[in-house]
């Protein structure tokens, strides 16, 4: 339930947003739902 500064996150989206920003700062590409479905299709 906690955000990066140790407080209760406002909502789930705050936690998602923090990971998204962290990923971008790490230079990582974040999959869209279209990317994910392509991965799922290929996995079969």
ModelCIF file with pLDDT and N, C-alpha, C, O atoms, coordinates in Angstrom:
data_MODEL
#
_entry.id   MODEL 
#
_entity.id                         1 
_entity.type                       polymer 
_entity.pdbx_number_of_molecules   1 
#
_entity_poly.entity_id                      1 
_entity_poly.type                           'polypeptide(L)' 
_entity_poly.nstd_linkage                   no 
_entity_poly.nstd_monomer                   no 
_entity_poly.pdbx_seq_one_letter_code       
;(UNK)(UNK)(UNK)(UNK)(UNK)(UNK)(UNK)(UNK)(UNK)(UNK)(UNK)(UNK)(UNK)(UNK)(UNK)(UNK)
(UNK)(UNK)(UNK)(UNK)(UNK)(UNK)(UNK)(UNK)(UNK)(UNK)(UNK)(UNK)(UNK)(UNK)(UNK)(UNK)
(UNK)(UNK)(UNK)(UNK)(UNK)(UNK)(UNK)(UNK)(UNK)(UNK)(UNK)(UNK)
;
_entity_poly.pdbx_seq_one_letter_code_can   XXXXXXXXXXXXXXXXXXXXXXXXXXXXXXXXXXXXXXXXXXXX 
_entity_poly.pdbx_strand_id                 A 
#
loop_
_entity_poly_seq.entity_id 
_entity_poly_seq.num 
_entity_poly_seq.mon_id 
_entity_poly_seq.hetero 
1 1  UNK n 
1 2  UNK n 
1 3  UNK n 
1 4  UNK n 
1 5  UNK n 
1 6  UNK n 
1 7  UNK n 
1 8  UNK n 
1 9  UNK n 
1 10 UNK n 
1 11 UNK n 
1 12 UNK n 
1 13 UNK n 
1 14 UNK n 
1 15 UNK n 
1 16 UNK n 
1 17 UNK n 
1 18 UNK n 
1 19 UNK n 
1 20 UNK n 
1 21 UNK n 
1 22 UNK n 
1 23 UNK n 
1 24 UNK n 
1 25 UNK n 
1 26 UNK n 
1 27 UNK n 
1 28 UNK n 
1 29 UNK n 
1 30 UNK n 
1 31 UNK n 
1 32 UNK n 
1 33 UNK n 
1 34 UNK n 
1 35 UNK n 
1 36 UNK n 
1 37 UNK n 
1 38 UNK n 
1 39 UNK n 
1 40 UNK n 
1 41 UNK n 
1 42 UNK n 
1 43 UNK n 
1 44 UNK n 
#
_struct_asym.id          A 
_struct_asym.entity_id   1 
#
loop_
_ma_qa_metric.id 
_ma_qa_metric.mode 
_ma_qa_metric.name 
_ma_qa_metric.software_group_id 
_ma_qa_metric.type 
1 global pLDDT . pLDDT 
2 local  pLDDT . pLDDT 
#
_ma_qa_metric_global.metric_id      1 
_ma_qa_metric_global.metric_value   94.98 
_ma_qa_metric_global.model_id       1 
_ma_qa_metric_global.ordinal_id     1 
#
loop_
_ma_qa_metric_local.label_asym_id 
_ma_qa_metric_local.label_comp_id 
_ma_qa_metric_local.label_seq_id 
_ma_qa_metric_local.metric_id 
_ma_qa_metric_local.metric_value 
_ma_qa_metric_local.model_id 
_ma_qa_metric_local.ordinal_id 
A UNK 1  2 96.00 1 1  
A UNK 2  2 95.00 1 2  
A UNK 3  2 95.00 1 3  
A UNK 4  2 91.00 1 4  
A UNK 5  2 91.00 1 5  
A UNK 6  2 92.00 1 6  
A UNK 7  2 95.00 1 7  
A UNK 8  2 95.00 1 8  
A UNK 9  2 97.00 1 9  
A UNK 10 2 97.00 1 10 
A UNK 11 2 98.00 1 11 
A UNK 12 2 98.00 1 12 
A UNK 13 2 98.00 1 13 
A UNK 14 2 98.00 1 14 
A UNK 15 2 97.00 1 15 
A UNK 16 2 98.00 1 16 
A UNK 17 2 97.00 1 17 
A UNK 18 2 96.00 1 18 
A UNK 19 2 96.00 1 19 
A UNK 20 2 96.00 1 20 
A UNK 21 2 95.00 1 21 
A UNK 22 2 92.00 1 22 
A UNK 23 2 92.00 1 23 
A UNK 24 2 90.00 1 24 
A UNK 25 2 92.00 1 25 
A UNK 26 2 92.00 1 26 
A UNK 27 2 93.00 1 27 
A UNK 28 2 94.00 1 28 
A UNK 29 2 94.00 1 29 
A UNK 30 2 96.00 1 30 
A UNK 31 2 96.00 1 31 
A UNK 32 2 96.00 1 32 
A UNK 33 2 97.00 1 33 
A UNK 34 2 97.00 1 34 
A UNK 35 2 96.00 1 35 
A UNK 36 2 96.00 1 36 
A UNK 37 2 97.00 1 37 
A UNK 38 2 95.00 1 38 
A UNK 39 2 94.00 1 39 
A UNK 40 2 95.00 1 40 
A UNK 41 2 93.00 1 41 
A UNK 42 2 93.00 1 42 
A UNK 43 2 94.00 1 43 
A UNK 44 2 94.00 1 44 
#
loop_
_atom_site.group_PDB 
_atom_site.id 
_atom_site.type_symbol 
_atom_site.label_atom_id 
_atom_site.label_alt_id 
_atom_site.label_comp_id 
_atom_site.label_asym_id 
_atom_site.label_entity_id 
_atom_site.label_seq_id 
_atom_site.pdbx_PDB_ins_code 
_atom_site.Cartn_x 
_atom_site.Cartn_y 
_atom_site.Cartn_z 
_atom_site.occupancy 
_atom_site.B_iso_or_equiv 
_atom_site.pdbx_formal_charge 
_atom_site.auth_seq_id 
_atom_site.auth_comp_id 
_atom_site.auth_asym_id 
_atom_site.auth_atom_id 
_atom_site.pdbx_PDB_model_num 
ATOM 1   N N  . UNK A 1 1  ? 0.806  -1.218  0.000   1.00 96.00 ? 1  UNK A N  1 
ATOM 2   C CA . UNK A 1 1  ? 0.000  0.000   0.000   1.00 96.00 ? 1  UNK A CA 1 
ATOM 3   C C  . UNK A 1 1  ? 0.841  1.271   0.000   1.00 96.00 ? 1  UNK A C  1 
ATOM 4   O O  . UNK A 1 1  ? 0.301  2.372   -0.112  1.00 96.00 ? 1  UNK A O  1 
ATOM 5   N N  . UNK A 1 2  ? 2.181  1.126   0.127   1.00 95.00 ? 2  UNK A N  1 
ATOM 6   C CA . UNK A 1 2  ? 3.028  2.289   0.352   1.00 95.00 ? 2  UNK A CA 1 
ATOM 7   C C  . UNK A 1 2  ? 3.707  2.762   -0.932  1.00 95.00 ? 2  UNK A C  1 
ATOM 8   O O  . UNK A 1 2  ? 4.087  1.963   -1.788  1.00 95.00 ? 2  UNK A O  1 
ATOM 9   N N  . UNK A 1 3  ? 3.847  4.093   -1.041  1.00 95.00 ? 3  UNK A N  1 
ATOM 10  C CA . UNK A 1 3  ? 4.569  4.648   -2.175  1.00 95.00 ? 3  UNK A CA 1 
ATOM 11  C C  . UNK A 1 3  ? 6.057  4.764   -1.857  1.00 95.00 ? 3  UNK A C  1 
ATOM 12  O O  . UNK A 1 3  ? 6.511  4.323   -0.802  1.00 95.00 ? 3  UNK A O  1 
ATOM 13  N N  . UNK A 1 4  ? 6.803  5.356   -2.770  1.00 91.00 ? 4  UNK A N  1 
ATOM 14  C CA . UNK A 1 4  ? 8.260  5.382   -2.634  1.00 91.00 ? 4  UNK A CA 1 
ATOM 15  C C  . UNK A 1 4  ? 8.756  6.206   -1.442  1.00 91.00 ? 4  UNK A C  1 
ATOM 16  O O  . UNK A 1 4  ? 9.863  5.981   -0.955  1.00 91.00 ? 4  UNK A O  1 
ATOM 17  N N  . UNK A 1 5  ? 7.960  7.138   -0.980  1.00 91.00 ? 5  UNK A N  1 
ATOM 18  C CA . UNK A 1 5  ? 8.407  7.958   0.158   1.00 91.00 ? 5  UNK A CA 1 
ATOM 19  C C  . UNK A 1 5  ? 7.829  7.461   1.475   1.00 91.00 ? 5  UNK A C  1 
ATOM 20  O O  . UNK A 1 5  ? 7.911  8.147   2.493   1.00 91.00 ? 5  UNK A O  1 
ATOM 21  N N  . UNK A 1 6  ? 7.243  6.266   1.454   1.00 92.00 ? 6  UNK A N  1 
ATOM 22  C CA . UNK A 1 6  ? 6.798  5.635   2.694   1.00 92.00 ? 6  UNK A CA 1 
ATOM 23  C C  . UNK A 1 6  ? 5.435  6.057   3.182   1.00 92.00 ? 6  UNK A C  1 
ATOM 24  O O  . UNK A 1 6  ? 5.081  5.778   4.328   1.00 92.00 ? 6  UNK A O  1 
ATOM 25  N N  . UNK A 1 7  ? 4.658  6.723   2.347   1.00 95.00 ? 7  UNK A N  1 
ATOM 26  C CA . UNK A 1 7  ? 3.288  7.096   2.702   1.00 95.00 ? 7  UNK A CA 1 
ATOM 27  C C  . UNK A 1 7  ? 2.304  6.176   1.991   1.00 95.00 ? 7  UNK A C  1 
ATOM 28  O O  . UNK A 1 7  ? 2.637  5.563   0.977   1.00 95.00 ? 7  UNK A O  1 
ATOM 29  N N  . UNK A 1 8  ? 1.086  6.084   2.530   1.00 95.00 ? 8  UNK A N  1 
ATOM 30  C CA . UNK A 1 8  ? 0.057  5.343   1.824   1.00 95.00 ? 8  UNK A CA 1 
ATOM 31  C C  . UNK A 1 8  ? -0.159 5.972   0.445   1.00 95.00 ? 8  UNK A C  1 
ATOM 32  O O  . UNK A 1 8  ? -0.395 7.174   0.326   1.00 95.00 ? 8  UNK A O  1 
ATOM 33  N N  . UNK A 1 9  ? -0.071 5.137   -0.586  1.00 97.00 ? 9  UNK A N  1 
ATOM 34  C CA . UNK A 1 9  ? -0.330 5.636   -1.937  1.00 97.00 ? 9  UNK A CA 1 
ATOM 35  C C  . UNK A 1 9  ? -1.766 6.120   -2.032  1.00 97.00 ? 9  UNK A C  1 
ATOM 36  O O  . UNK A 1 9  ? -2.655 5.602   -1.356  1.00 97.00 ? 9  UNK A O  1 
ATOM 37  N N  . UNK A 1 10 ? -1.983 7.119   -2.877  1.00 97.00 ? 10 UNK A N  1 
ATOM 38  C CA . UNK A 1 10 ? -3.333 7.650   -3.047  1.00 97.00 ? 10 UNK A CA 1 
ATOM 39  C C  . UNK A 1 10 ? -4.258 6.589   -3.629  1.00 97.00 ? 10 UNK A C  1 
ATOM 40  O O  . UNK A 1 10 ? -5.418 6.471   -3.235  1.00 97.00 ? 10 UNK A O  1 
ATOM 41  N N  . UNK A 1 11 ? -3.728 5.824   -4.569  1.00 98.00 ? 11 UNK A N  1 
ATOM 42  C CA . UNK A 1 11 ? -4.512 4.773   -5.217  1.00 98.00 ? 11 UNK A CA 1 
ATOM 43  C C  . UNK A 1 11 ? -3.545 3.834   -5.937  1.00 98.00 ? 11 UNK A C  1 
ATOM 44  O O  . UNK A 1 11 ? -2.335 4.056   -5.927  1.00 98.00 ? 11 UNK A O  1 
ATOM 45  N N  . UNK A 1 12 ? -4.083 2.787   -6.560  1.00 98.00 ? 12 UNK A N  1 
ATOM 46  C CA . UNK A 1 12 ? -3.238 1.847   -7.298  1.00 98.00 ? 12 UNK A CA 1 
ATOM 47  C C  . UNK A 1 12 ? -2.477 2.526   -8.428  1.00 98.00 ? 12 UNK A C  1 
ATOM 48  O O  . UNK A 1 12 ? -1.330 2.180   -8.709  1.00 98.00 ? 12 UNK A O  1 
ATOM 49  N N  . UNK A 1 13 ? -3.116 3.487   -9.071  1.00 98.00 ? 13 UNK A N  1 
ATOM 50  C CA . UNK A 1 13 ? -2.489 4.150   -10.211 1.00 98.00 ? 13 UNK A CA 1 
ATOM 51  C C  . UNK A 1 13 ? -1.199 4.862   -9.823  1.00 98.00 ? 13 UNK A C  1 
ATOM 52  O O  . UNK A 1 13 ? -0.283 4.972   -10.637 1.00 98.00 ? 13 UNK A O  1 
ATOM 53  N N  . UNK A 1 14 ? -1.121 5.343   -8.591  1.00 98.00 ? 14 UNK A N  1 
ATOM 54  C CA . UNK A 1 14 ? 0.115  5.996   -8.156  1.00 98.00 ? 14 UNK A CA 1 
ATOM 55  C C  . UNK A 1 14 ? 1.272  4.998   -8.156  1.00 98.00 ? 14 UNK A C  1 
ATOM 56  O O  . UNK A 1 14 ? 2.386  5.337   -8.554  1.00 98.00 ? 14 UNK A O  1 
ATOM 57  N N  . UNK A 1 15 ? 1.010  3.778   -7.714  1.00 97.00 ? 15 UNK A N  1 
ATOM 58  C CA . UNK A 1 15 ? 2.056  2.763   -7.700  1.00 97.00 ? 15 UNK A CA 1 
ATOM 59  C C  . UNK A 1 15 ? 2.453  2.365   -9.129  1.00 97.00 ? 15 UNK A C  1 
ATOM 60  O O  . UNK A 1 15 ? 3.633  2.169   -9.419  1.00 97.00 ? 15 UNK A O  1 
ATOM 61  N N  . UNK A 1 16 ? 1.465  2.250   -10.008 1.00 98.00 ? 16 UNK A N  1 
ATOM 62  C CA . UNK A 1 16 ? 1.756  1.955   -11.414 1.00 98.00 ? 16 UNK A CA 1 
ATOM 63  C C  . UNK A 1 16 ? 2.591  3.080   -12.026 1.00 98.00 ? 16 UNK A C  1 
ATOM 64  O O  . UNK A 1 16 ? 3.566  2.826   -12.733 1.00 98.00 ? 16 UNK A O  1 
ATOM 65  N N  . UNK A 1 17 ? 2.202  4.315   -11.751 1.00 97.00 ? 17 UNK A N  1 
ATOM 66  C CA . UNK A 1 17 ? 2.907  5.471   -12.311 1.00 97.00 ? 17 UNK A CA 1 
ATOM 67  C C  . UNK A 1 17 ? 4.367  5.508   -11.848 1.00 97.00 ? 17 UNK A C  1 
ATOM 68  O O  . UNK A 1 17 ? 5.267  5.819   -12.629 1.00 97.00 ? 17 UNK A O  1 
ATOM 69  N N  . UNK A 1 18 ? 4.591  5.187   -10.571 1.00 96.00 ? 18 UNK A N  1 
ATOM 70  C CA . UNK A 1 18 ? 5.961  5.199   -10.053 1.00 96.00 ? 18 UNK A CA 1 
ATOM 71  C C  . UNK A 1 18 ? 6.826  4.164   -10.778 1.00 96.00 ? 18 UNK A C  1 
ATOM 72  O O  . UNK A 1 18 ? 7.977  4.442   -11.114 1.00 96.00 ? 18 UNK A O  1 
ATOM 73  N N  . UNK A 1 19 ? 6.277  2.983   -11.015 1.00 96.00 ? 19 UNK A N  1 
ATOM 74  C CA . UNK A 1 19 ? 7.021  1.949   -11.735 1.00 96.00 ? 19 UNK A CA 1 
ATOM 75  C C  . UNK A 1 19 ? 7.239  2.361   -13.186 1.00 96.00 ? 19 UNK A C  1 
ATOM 76  O O  . UNK A 1 19 ? 8.306  2.110   -13.748 1.00 96.00 ? 19 UNK A O  1 
ATOM 77  N N  . UNK A 1 20 ? 6.251  2.981   -13.788 1.00 96.00 ? 20 UNK A N  1 
ATOM 78  C CA . UNK A 1 20 ? 6.378  3.434   -15.169 1.00 96.00 ? 20 UNK A CA 1 
ATOM 79  C C  . UNK A 1 20 ? 7.496  4.464   -15.306 1.00 96.00 ? 20 UNK A C  1 
ATOM 80  O O  . UNK A 1 20 ? 8.314  4.380   -16.222 1.00 96.00 ? 20 UNK A O  1 
ATOM 81  N N  . UNK A 1 21 ? 7.529  5.428   -14.400 1.00 95.00 ? 21 UNK A N  1 
ATOM 82  C CA . UNK A 1 21 ? 8.570  6.457   -14.429 1.00 95.00 ? 21 UNK A CA 1 
ATOM 83  C C  . UNK A 1 21 ? 9.934  5.836   -14.158 1.00 95.00 ? 21 UNK A C  1 
ATOM 84  O O  . UNK A 1 21 ? 10.918 6.171   -14.817 1.00 95.00 ? 21 UNK A O  1 
ATOM 85  N N  . UNK A 1 22 ? 9.988  4.926   -13.181 1.00 92.00 ? 22 UNK A N  1 
ATOM 86  C CA . UNK A 1 22 ? 11.236 4.248   -12.863 1.00 92.00 ? 22 UNK A CA 1 
ATOM 87  C C  . UNK A 1 22 ? 11.754 3.481   -14.074 1.00 92.00 ? 22 UNK A C  1 
ATOM 88  O O  . UNK A 1 22 ? 12.951 3.495   -14.360 1.00 92.00 ? 22 UNK A O  1 
ATOM 89  N N  . UNK A 1 23 ? 10.852 2.815   -14.782 1.00 92.00 ? 23 UNK A N  1 
ATOM 90  C CA . UNK A 1 23 ? 11.234 2.061   -15.977 1.00 92.00 ? 23 UNK A CA 1 
ATOM 91  C C  . UNK A 1 23 ? 11.818 2.982   -17.037 1.00 92.00 ? 23 UNK A C  1 
ATOM 92  O O  . UNK A 1 23 ? 12.842 2.672   -17.645 1.00 92.00 ? 23 UNK A O  1 
ATOM 93  N N  . UNK A 1 24 ? 11.166 4.106   -17.251 1.00 90.00 ? 24 UNK A N  1 
ATOM 94  C CA . UNK A 1 24 ? 11.655 5.063   -18.234 1.00 90.00 ? 24 UNK A CA 1 
ATOM 95  C C  . UNK A 1 24 ? 13.033 5.586   -17.843 1.00 90.00 ? 24 UNK A C  1 
ATOM 96  O O  . UNK A 1 24 ? 13.903 5.759   -18.696 1.00 90.00 ? 24 UNK A O  1 
ATOM 97  N N  . UNK A 1 25 ? 13.228 5.837   -16.544 1.00 92.00 ? 25 UNK A N  1 
ATOM 98  C CA . UNK A 1 25 ? 14.521 6.323   -16.065 1.00 92.00 ? 25 UNK A CA 1 
ATOM 99  C C  . UNK A 1 25 ? 15.623 5.279   -16.255 1.00 92.00 ? 25 UNK A C  1 
ATOM 100 O O  . UNK A 1 25 ? 16.800 5.616   -16.380 1.00 92.00 ? 25 UNK A O  1 
ATOM 101 N N  . UNK A 1 26 ? 15.215 3.995   -16.273 1.00 92.00 ? 26 UNK A N  1 
ATOM 102 C CA . UNK A 1 26 ? 16.170 2.904   -16.498 1.00 92.00 ? 26 UNK A CA 1 
ATOM 103 C C  . UNK A 1 26 ? 16.398 2.653   -17.987 1.00 92.00 ? 26 UNK A C  1 
ATOM 104 O O  . UNK A 1 26 ? 17.199 1.798   -18.364 1.00 92.00 ? 26 UNK A O  1 
ATOM 105 N N  . UNK A 1 27 ? 15.688 3.403   -18.827 1.00 93.00 ? 27 UNK A N  1 
ATOM 106 C CA . UNK A 1 27 ? 15.831 3.242   -20.268 1.00 93.00 ? 27 UNK A CA 1 
ATOM 107 C C  . UNK A 1 27 ? 15.128 2.022   -20.813 1.00 93.00 ? 27 UNK A C  1 
ATOM 108 O O  . UNK A 1 27 ? 15.505 1.506   -21.866 1.00 93.00 ? 27 UNK A O  1 
ATOM 109 N N  . UNK A 1 28 ? 14.104 1.548   -20.110 1.00 94.00 ? 28 UNK A N  1 
ATOM 110 C CA . UNK A 1 28 ? 13.387 0.342   -20.512 1.00 94.00 ? 28 UNK A CA 1 
ATOM 111 C C  . UNK A 1 28 ? 12.122 0.687   -21.275 1.00 94.00 ? 28 UNK A C  1 
ATOM 112 O O  . UNK A 1 28 ? 11.423 1.647   -20.952 1.00 94.00 ? 28 UNK A O  1 
ATOM 113 N N  . UNK A 1 29 ? 11.844 -0.109  -22.285 1.00 94.00 ? 29 UNK A N  1 
ATOM 114 C CA . UNK A 1 29 ? 10.611 0.038   -23.050 1.00 94.00 ? 29 UNK A CA 1 
ATOM 115 C C  . UNK A 1 29 ? 9.481  -0.649  -22.290 1.00 94.00 ? 29 UNK A C  1 
ATOM 116 O O  . UNK A 1 29 ? 9.632  -1.786  -21.842 1.00 94.00 ? 29 UNK A O  1 
ATOM 117 N N  . UNK A 1 30 ? 8.344  0.040   -22.145 1.00 96.00 ? 30 UNK A N  1 
ATOM 118 C CA . UNK A 1 30 ? 7.183  -0.510  -21.445 1.00 96.00 ? 30 UNK A CA 1 
ATOM 119 C C  . UNK A 1 30 ? 6.150  -0.959  -22.463 1.00 96.00 ? 30 UNK A C  1 
ATOM 120 O O  . UNK A 1 30 ? 5.720  -0.182  -23.315 1.00 96.00 ? 30 UNK A O  1 
ATOM 121 N N  . UNK A 1 31 ? 5.757  -2.215  -22.365 1.00 96.00 ? 31 UNK A N  1 
ATOM 122 C CA . UNK A 1 31 ? 4.808  -2.775  -23.320 1.00 96.00 ? 31 UNK A CA 1 
ATOM 123 C C  . UNK A 1 31 ? 3.429  -2.133  -23.208 1.00 96.00 ? 31 UNK A C  1 
ATOM 124 O O  . UNK A 1 31 ? 2.917  -1.909  -22.111 1.00 96.00 ? 31 UNK A O  1 
ATOM 125 N N  . UNK A 1 32 ? 2.848  -1.844  -24.355 1.00 96.00 ? 32 UNK A N  1 
ATOM 126 C CA . UNK A 1 32 ? 1.441  -1.471  -24.430 1.00 96.00 ? 32 UNK A CA 1 
ATOM 127 C C  . UNK A 1 32 ? 0.617  -2.740  -24.428 1.00 96.00 ? 32 UNK A C  1 
ATOM 128 O O  . UNK A 1 32 ? 1.171  -3.838  -24.483 1.00 96.00 ? 32 UNK A O  1 
ATOM 129 N N  . UNK A 1 33 ? -0.696 -2.609  -24.368 1.00 97.00 ? 33 UNK A N  1 
ATOM 130 C CA . UNK A 1 33 ? -1.550 -3.800  -24.427 1.00 97.00 ? 33 UNK A CA 1 
ATOM 131 C C  . UNK A 1 33 ? -1.399 -4.491  -25.781 1.00 97.00 ? 33 UNK A C  1 
ATOM 132 O O  . UNK A 1 33 ? -1.500 -5.715  -25.862 1.00 97.00 ? 33 UNK A O  1 
ATOM 133 N N  . UNK A 1 34 ? -1.159 -3.726  -26.835 1.00 97.00 ? 34 UNK A N  1 
ATOM 134 C CA . UNK A 1 34 ? -0.943 -4.328  -28.155 1.00 97.00 ? 34 UNK A CA 1 
ATOM 135 C C  . UNK A 1 34 ? 0.356  -5.145  -28.171 1.00 97.00 ? 34 UNK A C  1 
ATOM 136 O O  . UNK A 1 34 ? 0.397  -6.248  -28.716 1.00 97.00 ? 34 UNK A O  1 
ATOM 137 N N  . UNK A 1 35 ? 1.406  -4.595  -27.572 1.00 96.00 ? 35 UNK A N  1 
ATOM 138 C CA . UNK A 1 35 ? 2.666  -5.336  -27.467 1.00 96.00 ? 35 UNK A CA 1 
ATOM 139 C C  . UNK A 1 35 ? 2.459  -6.633  -26.688 1.00 96.00 ? 35 UNK A C  1 
ATOM 140 O O  . UNK A 1 35 ? 2.931  -7.696  -27.091 1.00 96.00 ? 35 UNK A O  1 
ATOM 141 N N  . UNK A 1 36 ? 1.752  -6.529  -25.577 1.00 96.00 ? 36 UNK A N  1 
ATOM 142 C CA . UNK A 1 36 ? 1.519  -7.699  -24.737 1.00 96.00 ? 36 UNK A CA 1 
ATOM 143 C C  . UNK A 1 36 ? 0.770  -8.778  -25.491 1.00 96.00 ? 36 UNK A C  1 
ATOM 144 O O  . UNK A 1 36 ? 1.124  -9.954  -25.406 1.00 96.00 ? 36 UNK A O  1 
ATOM 145 N N  . UNK A 1 37 ? -0.258 -8.397  -26.226 1.00 97.00 ? 37 UNK A N  1 
ATOM 146 C CA . UNK A 1 37 ? -1.031 -9.402  -26.964 1.00 97.00 ? 37 UNK A CA 1 
ATOM 147 C C  . UNK A 1 37 ? -0.184 -10.030 -28.080 1.00 97.00 ? 37 UNK A C  1 
ATOM 148 O O  . UNK A 1 37 ? -0.361 -11.208 -28.390 1.00 97.00 ? 37 UNK A O  1 
ATOM 149 N N  . UNK A 1 38 ? 0.716  -9.277  -28.676 1.00 95.00 ? 38 UNK A N  1 
ATOM 150 C CA . UNK A 1 38 ? 1.627  -9.874  -29.654 1.00 95.00 ? 38 UNK A CA 1 
ATOM 151 C C  . UNK A 1 38 ? 2.512  -10.910 -28.978 1.00 95.00 ? 38 UNK A C  1 
ATOM 152 O O  . UNK A 1 38 ? 2.753  -11.981 -29.535 1.00 95.00 ? 38 UNK A O  1 
ATOM 153 N N  . UNK A 1 39 ? 3.003  -10.593 -27.766 1.00 94.00 ? 39 UNK A N  1 
ATOM 154 C CA . UNK A 1 39 ? 3.824  -11.537 -27.009 1.00 94.00 ? 39 UNK A CA 1 
ATOM 155 C C  . UNK A 1 39 ? 3.030  -12.791 -26.669 1.00 94.00 ? 39 UNK A C  1 
ATOM 156 O O  . UNK A 1 39 ? 3.533  -13.909 -26.783 1.00 94.00 ? 39 UNK A O  1 
ATOM 157 N N  . UNK A 1 40 ? 1.786  -12.592 -26.251 1.00 95.00 ? 40 UNK A N  1 
ATOM 158 C CA . UNK A 1 40 ? 0.922  -13.730 -25.915 1.00 95.00 ? 40 UNK A CA 1 
ATOM 159 C C  . UNK A 1 40 ? 0.703  -14.616 -27.126 1.00 95.00 ? 40 UNK A C  1 
ATOM 160 O O  . UNK A 1 40 ? 0.818  -15.838 -27.042 1.00 95.00 ? 40 UNK A O  1 
ATOM 161 N N  . UNK A 1 41 ? 0.386  -13.992 -28.254 1.00 93.00 ? 41 UNK A N  1 
ATOM 162 C CA . UNK A 1 41 ? 0.154  -14.743 -29.490 1.00 93.00 ? 41 UNK A CA 1 
ATOM 163 C C  . UNK A 1 41 ? 1.394  -15.559 -29.863 1.00 93.00 ? 41 UNK A C  1 
ATOM 164 O O  . UNK A 1 41 ? 1.293  -16.734 -30.216 1.00 93.00 ? 41 UNK A O  1 
ATOM 165 N N  . UNK A 1 42 ? 2.565  -14.920 -29.780 1.00 93.00 ? 42 UNK A N  1 
ATOM 166 C CA . UNK A 1 42 ? 3.799  -15.604 -30.143 1.00 93.00 ? 42 UNK A CA 1 
ATOM 167 C C  . UNK A 1 42 ? 4.139  -16.714 -29.160 1.00 93.00 ? 42 UNK A C  1 
ATOM 168 O O  . UNK A 1 42 ? 4.778  -17.697 -29.536 1.00 93.00 ? 42 UNK A O  1 
ATOM 169 N N  . UNK A 1 43 ? 3.722  -16.572 -27.905 1.00 94.00 ? 43 UNK A N  1 
ATOM 170 C CA . UNK A 1 43 ? 4.062  -17.582 -26.898 1.00 94.00 ? 43 UNK A CA 1 
ATOM 171 C C  . UNK A 1 43 ? 3.438  -18.941 -27.193 1.00 94.00 ? 43 UNK A C  1 
ATOM 172 O O  . UNK A 1 43 ? 3.939  -19.965 -26.729 1.00 94.00 ? 43 UNK A O  1 
ATOM 173 N N  . UNK A 1 44 ? 2.358  -18.959 -27.954 1.00 94.00 ? 44 UNK A N  1 
ATOM 174 C CA . UNK A 1 44 ? 1.712  -20.224 -28.292 1.00 94.00 ? 44 UNK A CA 1 
ATOM 175 C C  . UNK A 1 44 ? 2.377  -20.909 -29.480 1.00 94.00 ? 44 UNK A C  1 
ATOM 176 O O  . UNK A 1 44 ? 1.949  -21.988 -29.890 1.00 94.00 ? 44 UNK A O  1 
#
